[in-house]
Amino acid sequence: MAYRGNMRGSPNNGPHFGQILEQQNDNKVDDLATKVSALKRITLDIGEEVRSQNRLLNDMDTEFDSGKGLCKER
Protein backbone atom coordinates (compact mmCIF):
# COMPACT_ATOMS: atom_id res chain seq x y z
CA MET A 1 0.00 0.00 0.00
CA ALA A 2 2.24 2.85 1.21
CA TYR A 3 5.90 3.05 0.19
CA ARG A 4 8.25 3.07 3.17
CA GLY A 5 11.61 2.43 1.56
CA ASN A 6 14.47 4.49 0.21
CA MET A 7 14.01 5.37 -3.48
CA ARG A 8 17.78 5.74 -4.10
CA GLY A 9 19.43 2.62 -5.41
CA SER A 10 16.25 0.56 -5.22
CA PRO A 11 15.50 -1.65 -8.21
CA ASN A 12 11.83 -0.70 -7.79
CA ASN A 13 12.28 3.00 -8.51
CA GLY A 14 11.70 2.77 -12.25
CA PRO A 15 9.00 4.67 -14.11
CA HIS A 16 6.47 1.89 -13.48
CA PHE A 17 6.94 2.18 -9.70
CA GLY A 18 6.39 5.94 -9.88
CA GLN A 19 3.20 5.36 -11.87
CA ILE A 20 1.95 2.97 -9.19
CA LEU A 21 2.57 5.55 -6.48
CA GLU A 22 0.87 8.23 -8.57
CA GLN A 23 -2.15 5.99 -9.12
CA GLN A 24 -2.37 5.26 -5.38
CA ASN A 25 -2.29 8.99 -4.67
CA ASP A 26 -4.98 9.64 -7.29
CA ASN A 27 -7.17 6.93 -5.75
CA LYS A 28 -6.79 8.46 -2.30
CA VAL A 29 -7.63 11.92 -3.65
CA ASP A 30 -10.74 10.51 -5.33
CA ASP A 31 -11.79 8.77 -2.10
CA LEU A 32 -11.28 11.98 -0.15
CA ALA A 33 -13.28 13.99 -2.70
CA THR A 34 -16.15 11.50 -2.39
CA LYS A 35 -16.12 11.80 1.40
CA VAL A 36 -15.98 15.60 1.28
CA SER A 37 -18.92 15.64 -1.11
CA ALA A 38 -20.95 13.38 1.19
CA LEU A 39 -20.06 15.56 4.18
CA LYS A 40 -21.18 18.66 2.27
CA ARG A 41 -24.55 17.06 1.48
CA ILE A 42 -25.01 16.08 5.13
CA THR A 43 -24.07 19.59 6.26
CA LEU A 44 -26.55 21.18 3.85
CA ASP A 45 -29.27 18.79 5.01
CA ILE A 46 -28.56 19.66 8.65
CA GLY A 47 -28.71 23.37 7.82
CA GLU A 48 -32.10 22.95 6.12
CA GLU A 49 -33.42 20.94 9.07
CA VAL A 50 -32.27 23.65 11.50
CA ARG A 51 -34.00 26.35 9.44
CA SER A 52 -37.18 24.27 9.32
CA GLN A 53 -37.13 23.68 13.07
CA ASN A 54 -36.55 27.39 13.71
CA ARG A 55 -39.58 28.25 11.56
CA LEU A 56 -41.70 25.82 13.58
CA LEU A 57 -40.44 27.27 16.86
CA ASN A 58 -41.16 30.81 15.69
CA ASP A 59 -44.68 29.80 14.65
CA MET A 60 -45.26 28.14 18.02
CA ASP A 61 -43.98 31.23 19.82
CA THR A 62 -46.41 33.42 17.88
CA GLU A 63 -49.29 31.03 18.64
CA PHE A 64 -48.45 30.92 22.35
CA ASP A 65 -48.26 34.70 22.47
CA SER A 66 -51.72 34.87 20.88
CA GLY A 67 -53.02 32.34 23.40
CA LYS A 68 -51.68 34.37 26.32
CA GLY A 69 -53.63 37.37 25.12
CA LEU A 70 -56.83 35.33 24.97
CA CYS A 71 -56.30 33.97 28.48
CA LYS A 72 -55.77 37.47 29.93
CA GLU A 73 -58.97 38.76 28.35
CA ARG A 74 -61.12 36.17 30.13
C-alpha atoms as a PDB file:
ATOM      1  CA  MET A   1       0.000   0.000   0.000  1.00  0.00           C
ATOM      2  CA  ALA A   2       2.245   2.847   1.205  1.00  0.00           C
ATOM      3  CA  TYR A   3       5.896   3.051   0.191  1.00  0.00           C
ATOM      4  CA  ARG A   4       8.250   3.071   3.174  1.00  0.00           C
ATOM      5  CA  GLY A   5      11.612   2.432   1.562  1.00  0.00           C
ATOM      6  CA  ASN A   6      14.473   4.489   0.205  1.00  0.00           C
ATOM      7  CA  MET A   7      14.006   5.369  -3.476  1.00  0.00           C
ATOM      8  CA  ARG A   8      17.776   5.740  -4.101  1.00  0.00           C
ATOM      9  CA  GLY A   9      19.430   2.620  -5.406  1.00  0.00           C
ATOM     10  CA  SER A  10      16.253   0.565  -5.221  1.00  0.00           C
ATOM     11  CA  PRO A  11      15.501  -1.645  -8.215  1.00  0.00           C
ATOM     12  CA  ASN A  12      11.832  -0.700  -7.792  1.00  0.00           C
ATOM     13  CA  ASN A  13      12.280   3.003  -8.506  1.00  0.00           C
ATOM     14  CA  GLY A  14      11.698   2.767 -12.249  1.00  0.00           C
ATOM     15  CA  PRO A  15       9.000   4.671 -14.112  1.00  0.00           C
ATOM     16  CA  HIS A  16       6.467   1.894 -13.477  1.00  0.00           C
ATOM     17  CA  PHE A  17       6.938   2.175  -9.704  1.00  0.00           C
ATOM     18  CA  GLY A  18       6.388   5.935  -9.883  1.00  0.00           C
ATOM     19  CA  GLN A  19       3.201   5.358 -11.866  1.00  0.00           C
ATOM     20  CA  ILE A  20       1.948   2.965  -9.194  1.00  0.00           C
ATOM     21  CA  LEU A  21       2.566   5.554  -6.478  1.00  0.00           C
ATOM     22  CA  GLU A  22       0.874   8.232  -8.567  1.00  0.00           C
ATOM     23  CA  GLN A  23      -2.153   5.989  -9.125  1.00  0.00           C
ATOM     24  CA  GLN A  24      -2.373   5.263  -5.383  1.00  0.00           C
ATOM     25  CA  ASN A  25      -2.288   8.990  -4.674  1.00  0.00           C
ATOM     26  CA  ASP A  26      -4.976   9.637  -7.293  1.00  0.00           C
ATOM     27  CA  ASN A  27      -7.173   6.927  -5.748  1.00  0.00           C
ATOM     28  CA  LYS A  28      -6.788   8.458  -2.296  1.00  0.00           C
ATOM     29  CA  VAL A  29      -7.626  11.922  -3.646  1.00  0.00           C
ATOM     30  CA  ASP A  30     -10.743  10.507  -5.332  1.00  0.00           C
ATOM     31  CA  ASP A  31     -11.788   8.769  -2.105  1.00  0.00           C
ATOM     32  CA  LEU A  32     -11.278  11.978  -0.155  1.00  0.00           C
ATOM     33  CA  ALA A  33     -13.281  13.992  -2.696  1.00  0.00           C
ATOM     34  CA  THR A  34     -16.149  11.504  -2.394  1.00  0.00           C
ATOM     35  CA  LYS A  35     -16.116  11.800   1.397  1.00  0.00           C
ATOM     36  CA  VAL A  36     -15.977  15.600   1.284  1.00  0.00           C
ATOM     37  CA  SER A  37     -18.922  15.639  -1.115  1.00  0.00           C
ATOM     38  CA  ALA A  38     -20.946  13.377   1.192  1.00  0.00           C
ATOM     39  CA  LEU A  39     -20.062  15.565   4.176  1.00  0.00           C
ATOM     40  CA  LYS A  40     -21.180  18.659   2.268  1.00  0.00           C
ATOM     41  CA  ARG A  41     -24.553  17.055   1.477  1.00  0.00           C
ATOM     42  CA  ILE A  42     -25.012  16.079   5.132  1.00  0.00           C
ATOM     43  CA  THR A  43     -24.073  19.589   6.265  1.00  0.00           C
ATOM     44  CA  LEU A  44     -26.546  21.183   3.847  1.00  0.00           C
ATOM     45  CA  ASP A  45     -29.275  18.794   5.015  1.00  0.00           C
ATOM     46  CA  ILE A  46     -28.559  19.663   8.653  1.00  0.00           C
ATOM     47  CA  GLY A  47     -28.711  23.374   7.817  1.00  0.00           C
ATOM     48  CA  GLU A  48     -32.096  22.952   6.117  1.00  0.00           C
ATOM     49  CA  GLU A  49     -33.418  20.943   9.066  1.00  0.00           C
ATOM     50  CA  VAL A  50     -32.275  23.647  11.499  1.00  0.00           C
ATOM     51  CA  ARG A  51     -34.001  26.350   9.437  1.00  0.00           C
ATOM     52  CA  SER A  52     -37.180  24.270   9.318  1.00  0.00           C
ATOM     53  CA  GLN A  53     -37.133  23.680  13.075  1.00  0.00           C
ATOM     54  CA  ASN A  54     -36.547  27.386  13.710  1.00  0.00           C
ATOM     55  CA  ARG A  55     -39.575  28.254  11.560  1.00  0.00           C
ATOM     56  CA  LEU A  56     -41.703  25.822  13.577  1.00  0.00           C
ATOM     57  CA  LEU A  57     -40.444  27.267  16.860  1.00  0.00           C
ATOM     58  CA  ASN A  58     -41.160  30.808  15.694  1.00  0.00           C
ATOM     59  CA  ASP A  59     -44.683  29.797  14.652  1.00  0.00           C
ATOM     60  CA  MET A  60     -45.263  28.142  18.022  1.00  0.00           C
ATOM     61  CA  ASP A  61     -43.979  31.234  19.821  1.00  0.00           C
ATOM     62  CA  THR A  62     -46.414  33.417  17.878  1.00  0.00           C
ATOM     63  CA  GLU A  63     -49.292  31.034  18.641  1.00  0.00           C
ATOM     64  CA  PHE A  64     -48.446  30.923  22.345  1.00  0.00           C
ATOM     65  CA  ASP A  65     -48.257  34.704  22.472  1.00  0.00           C
ATOM     66  CA  SER A  66     -51.722  34.869  20.880  1.00  0.00           C
ATOM     67  CA  GLY A  67     -53.017  32.340  23.402  1.00  0.00           C
ATOM     68  CA  LYS A  68     -51.675  34.372  26.322  1.00  0.00           C
ATOM     69  CA  GLY A  69     -53.633  37.371  25.124  1.00  0.00           C
ATOM     70  CA  LEU A  70     -56.831  35.333  24.971  1.00  0.00           C
ATOM     71  CA  CYS A  71     -56.298  33.973  28.483  1.00  0.00           C
ATOM     72  CA  LYS A  72     -55.765  37.470  29.930  1.00  0.00           C
ATOM     73  CA  GLU A  73     -58.971  38.760  28.353  1.00  0.00           C
ATOM     74  CA  ARG A  74     -61.119  36.170  30.133  1.00  0.00           C
END
